[in-house]
């Protein structure tokens, strides 16, 4: 993504998916960071692996299940 992409009027949210090793539980752990710069809530579609789901780490940033509130940042951790 370029600066021009982010500054475009049609680009108003971004989701990053990060993955790292969890040495305590000996598995991969994924964190999703959703950024919404618009004045409206946006749907967030996170990839789901069989037997897993996502949990919000900041419930106040959510506008509902699968949504991120306007002008906010949401953090979600994958639950296995």
N, C-alpha and C. Protein backbone atom coordinates (compact mmCIF):
# COMPACT_ATOMS: atom_id res chain seq x y z
N UNK A 1 0.84 -1.17 0.00
CA UNK A 1 0.00 0.00 0.00
C UNK A 1 0.89 1.23 0.00
N UNK A 2 0.55 2.18 -0.81
CA UNK A 2 1.30 3.42 -0.89
C UNK A 2 0.59 4.52 -0.10
N UNK A 3 1.28 5.63 0.10
CA UNK A 3 0.66 6.78 0.76
C UNK A 3 -0.55 7.25 -0.05
N UNK A 4 -0.42 7.26 -1.35
CA UNK A 4 -1.53 7.65 -2.21
C UNK A 4 -2.73 6.73 -2.05
N UNK A 5 -2.49 5.42 -1.91
CA UNK A 5 -3.60 4.48 -1.68
C UNK A 5 -4.34 4.83 -0.39
N UNK A 6 -3.59 5.06 0.69
CA UNK A 6 -4.22 5.34 1.99
C UNK A 6 -4.94 6.68 1.97
N UNK A 7 -4.40 7.66 1.26
CA UNK A 7 -5.01 8.98 1.23
C UNK A 7 -6.18 9.09 0.26
N UNK A 8 -6.41 8.05 -0.53
CA UNK A 8 -7.52 8.04 -1.47
C UNK A 8 -8.85 8.09 -0.71
N UNK A 9 -9.80 8.83 -1.24
CA UNK A 9 -11.12 8.94 -0.61
C UNK A 9 -11.85 7.60 -0.56
N UNK A 10 -11.49 6.68 -1.42
CA UNK A 10 -12.18 5.39 -1.46
C UNK A 10 -11.55 4.36 -0.51
N UNK A 11 -10.40 4.68 0.08
CA UNK A 11 -9.75 3.77 1.03
C UNK A 11 -9.94 4.34 2.42
N UNK A 12 -10.83 3.72 3.20
CA UNK A 12 -11.09 4.28 4.52
C UNK A 12 -10.88 3.30 5.66
N UNK A 13 -10.45 2.06 5.36
CA UNK A 13 -10.11 1.14 6.44
C UNK A 13 -9.03 0.17 5.99
N UNK A 14 -8.33 -0.39 6.96
CA UNK A 14 -7.22 -1.29 6.70
C UNK A 14 -7.21 -2.36 7.77
N UNK A 15 -6.97 -3.61 7.38
CA UNK A 15 -6.84 -4.71 8.33
C UNK A 15 -5.49 -5.37 8.10
N UNK A 16 -4.72 -5.51 9.18
CA UNK A 16 -3.42 -6.20 9.14
C UNK A 16 -3.54 -7.49 9.94
N UNK A 17 -2.99 -8.56 9.43
CA UNK A 17 -2.99 -9.84 10.12
C UNK A 17 -1.54 -10.20 10.42
N UNK A 18 -1.22 -10.32 11.70
CA UNK A 18 0.14 -10.64 12.13
C UNK A 18 0.15 -12.03 12.75
N UNK A 19 1.24 -12.75 12.56
CA UNK A 19 1.35 -14.11 13.09
C UNK A 19 2.71 -14.28 13.76
N UNK A 20 2.73 -14.97 14.89
CA UNK A 20 3.98 -15.22 15.60
C UNK A 20 3.88 -16.57 16.31
N UNK A 21 5.00 -17.07 16.71
CA UNK A 21 5.03 -18.33 17.45
C UNK A 21 4.75 -18.10 18.93
N UNK A 22 3.89 -18.93 19.50
CA UNK A 22 3.59 -18.91 20.93
C UNK A 22 4.40 -20.04 21.55
N UNK A 23 5.50 -19.70 22.21
CA UNK A 23 6.38 -20.74 22.76
C UNK A 23 5.79 -21.41 23.99
N UNK A 24 4.85 -20.76 24.67
CA UNK A 24 4.22 -21.36 25.85
C UNK A 24 3.28 -22.48 25.43
N UNK A 25 2.45 -22.24 24.39
CA UNK A 25 1.48 -23.24 23.95
C UNK A 25 1.95 -23.99 22.71
N UNK A 26 3.15 -23.67 22.24
CA UNK A 26 3.76 -24.37 21.11
C UNK A 26 2.86 -24.38 19.87
N UNK A 27 2.41 -23.18 19.48
CA UNK A 27 1.56 -23.04 18.28
C UNK A 27 1.70 -21.63 17.72
N UNK A 28 1.15 -21.42 16.54
CA UNK A 28 1.11 -20.09 15.92
C UNK A 28 -0.03 -19.29 16.53
N UNK A 29 0.20 -18.02 16.77
CA UNK A 29 -0.81 -17.11 17.30
C UNK A 29 -0.99 -15.98 16.29
N UNK A 30 -2.26 -15.61 16.03
CA UNK A 30 -2.52 -14.54 15.06
C UNK A 30 -3.24 -13.39 15.74
N UNK A 31 -2.83 -12.18 15.35
CA UNK A 31 -3.42 -10.95 15.84
C UNK A 31 -3.86 -10.14 14.63
N UNK A 32 -5.09 -9.65 14.66
CA UNK A 32 -5.61 -8.80 13.59
C UNK A 32 -5.77 -7.38 14.14
N UNK A 33 -5.28 -6.40 13.37
CA UNK A 33 -5.43 -5.00 13.74
C UNK A 33 -6.25 -4.33 12.64
N UNK A 34 -7.38 -3.78 13.02
CA UNK A 34 -8.29 -3.13 12.06
C UNK A 34 -8.31 -1.63 12.35
N UNK A 35 -8.06 -0.84 11.31
CA UNK A 35 -8.04 0.62 11.43
C UNK A 35 -9.16 1.19 10.56
N UNK A 36 -10.03 1.96 11.15
CA UNK A 36 -11.13 2.58 10.43
C UNK A 36 -11.00 4.09 10.56
N UNK A 37 -10.68 4.77 9.46
CA UNK A 37 -10.53 6.23 9.50
C UNK A 37 -11.79 6.96 9.05
N UNK A 38 -12.82 6.21 8.70
CA UNK A 38 -14.04 6.85 8.20
C UNK A 38 -14.96 7.25 9.35
N UNK A 39 -16.03 7.96 9.00
CA UNK A 39 -17.01 8.41 9.98
C UNK A 39 -18.16 7.42 10.13
N UNK A 40 -18.00 6.23 9.57
CA UNK A 40 -19.04 5.19 9.65
C UNK A 40 -18.40 3.87 10.08
N UNK A 41 -19.16 3.00 10.76
CA UNK A 41 -18.62 1.68 11.10
C UNK A 41 -18.37 0.87 9.83
N UNK A 42 -17.45 -0.09 9.90
CA UNK A 42 -17.14 -0.95 8.77
C UNK A 42 -17.15 -2.40 9.18
N UNK A 43 -17.54 -3.27 8.25
CA UNK A 43 -17.46 -4.70 8.48
C UNK A 43 -16.00 -5.14 8.43
N UNK A 44 -15.65 -6.07 9.31
CA UNK A 44 -14.30 -6.64 9.34
C UNK A 44 -14.45 -8.14 9.08
N UNK A 45 -13.82 -8.61 8.01
CA UNK A 45 -13.89 -10.02 7.64
C UNK A 45 -12.52 -10.65 7.88
N UNK A 46 -12.41 -11.44 8.94
CA UNK A 46 -11.15 -12.08 9.29
C UNK A 46 -11.16 -13.54 8.85
N UNK A 47 -10.02 -14.05 8.40
CA UNK A 47 -9.98 -15.45 7.97
C UNK A 47 -10.17 -16.39 9.15
N UNK A 48 -10.97 -17.41 8.95
CA UNK A 48 -11.26 -18.36 10.03
C UNK A 48 -10.70 -19.73 9.65
N UNK A 49 -9.91 -20.29 10.56
CA UNK A 49 -9.42 -21.65 10.38
C UNK A 49 -10.39 -22.60 11.09
N UNK A 50 -10.50 -23.85 10.63
CA UNK A 50 -11.39 -24.80 11.29
C UNK A 50 -11.07 -24.89 12.79
N UNK A 51 -12.10 -24.81 13.60
CA UNK A 51 -11.94 -24.91 15.05
C UNK A 51 -11.44 -23.65 15.73
N UNK A 52 -11.47 -22.52 15.02
CA UNK A 52 -10.99 -21.28 15.61
C UNK A 52 -12.03 -20.17 15.48
N UNK A 53 -11.76 -19.07 16.13
CA UNK A 53 -12.61 -17.88 16.05
C UNK A 53 -11.78 -16.68 16.47
N UNK A 54 -12.38 -15.52 16.48
CA UNK A 54 -11.68 -14.30 16.83
C UNK A 54 -12.35 -13.64 18.02
N UNK A 55 -11.54 -13.05 18.91
CA UNK A 55 -12.06 -12.34 20.07
C UNK A 55 -11.49 -10.94 20.08
N UNK A 56 -12.33 -9.96 20.31
CA UNK A 56 -11.88 -8.58 20.38
C UNK A 56 -11.13 -8.34 21.68
N UNK A 57 -10.02 -7.62 21.59
CA UNK A 57 -9.27 -7.25 22.78
C UNK A 57 -9.69 -5.89 23.31
N UNK A 58 -10.45 -5.14 22.50
CA UNK A 58 -10.96 -3.83 22.90
C UNK A 58 -12.46 -3.76 22.57
N UNK A 59 -13.30 -4.33 23.41
CA UNK A 59 -14.73 -4.35 23.08
C UNK A 59 -15.32 -2.97 22.80
N UNK A 60 -14.77 -1.92 23.40
CA UNK A 60 -15.33 -0.59 23.18
C UNK A 60 -15.11 -0.08 21.75
N UNK A 61 -14.16 -0.67 21.01
CA UNK A 61 -13.90 -0.24 19.64
C UNK A 61 -14.82 -0.92 18.64
N UNK A 62 -15.61 -1.88 19.10
CA UNK A 62 -16.48 -2.63 18.20
C UNK A 62 -17.83 -1.97 18.05
N UNK A 63 -18.38 -2.03 16.88
CA UNK A 63 -19.73 -1.53 16.62
C UNK A 63 -20.70 -2.71 16.54
N UNK A 64 -20.27 -3.89 16.89
CA UNK A 64 -21.06 -5.11 16.82
C UNK A 64 -20.17 -6.23 16.33
N UNK A 65 -20.70 -7.42 16.27
CA UNK A 65 -19.92 -8.58 15.84
C UNK A 65 -19.48 -8.39 14.39
N UNK A 66 -18.18 -8.52 14.15
CA UNK A 66 -17.65 -8.38 12.81
C UNK A 66 -17.59 -6.94 12.31
N UNK A 67 -17.72 -5.98 13.21
CA UNK A 67 -17.71 -4.57 12.83
C UNK A 67 -16.65 -3.83 13.63
N UNK A 68 -16.15 -2.74 13.05
CA UNK A 68 -15.28 -1.82 13.78
C UNK A 68 -15.94 -0.45 13.74
N UNK A 69 -15.94 0.19 14.89
CA UNK A 69 -16.61 1.49 15.02
C UNK A 69 -15.92 2.55 14.17
N UNK A 70 -16.65 3.61 13.90
CA UNK A 70 -16.10 4.74 13.15
C UNK A 70 -14.92 5.35 13.88
N UNK A 71 -13.89 5.76 13.10
CA UNK A 71 -12.73 6.47 13.64
C UNK A 71 -12.09 5.73 14.81
N UNK A 72 -11.82 4.44 14.63
CA UNK A 72 -11.25 3.65 15.72
C UNK A 72 -10.28 2.59 15.21
N UNK A 73 -9.60 1.98 16.16
CA UNK A 73 -8.69 0.87 15.89
C UNK A 73 -9.17 -0.31 16.72
N UNK A 74 -9.24 -1.47 16.11
CA UNK A 74 -9.64 -2.68 16.82
C UNK A 74 -8.54 -3.72 16.79
N UNK A 75 -8.41 -4.44 17.88
CA UNK A 75 -7.43 -5.53 17.99
C UNK A 75 -8.19 -6.81 18.27
N UNK A 76 -7.90 -7.85 17.48
CA UNK A 76 -8.57 -9.14 17.64
C UNK A 76 -7.51 -10.24 17.70
N UNK A 77 -7.69 -11.18 18.62
CA UNK A 77 -6.78 -12.31 18.73
C UNK A 77 -7.55 -13.57 18.33
N UNK A 78 -6.85 -14.46 17.64
CA UNK A 78 -7.48 -15.71 17.21
C UNK A 78 -7.53 -16.67 18.39
N UNK A 79 -8.69 -17.25 18.61
CA UNK A 79 -8.91 -18.21 19.69
C UNK A 79 -9.03 -19.60 19.07
N UNK A 80 -8.20 -20.51 19.52
CA UNK A 80 -8.25 -21.90 19.01
C UNK A 80 -8.95 -22.78 20.00
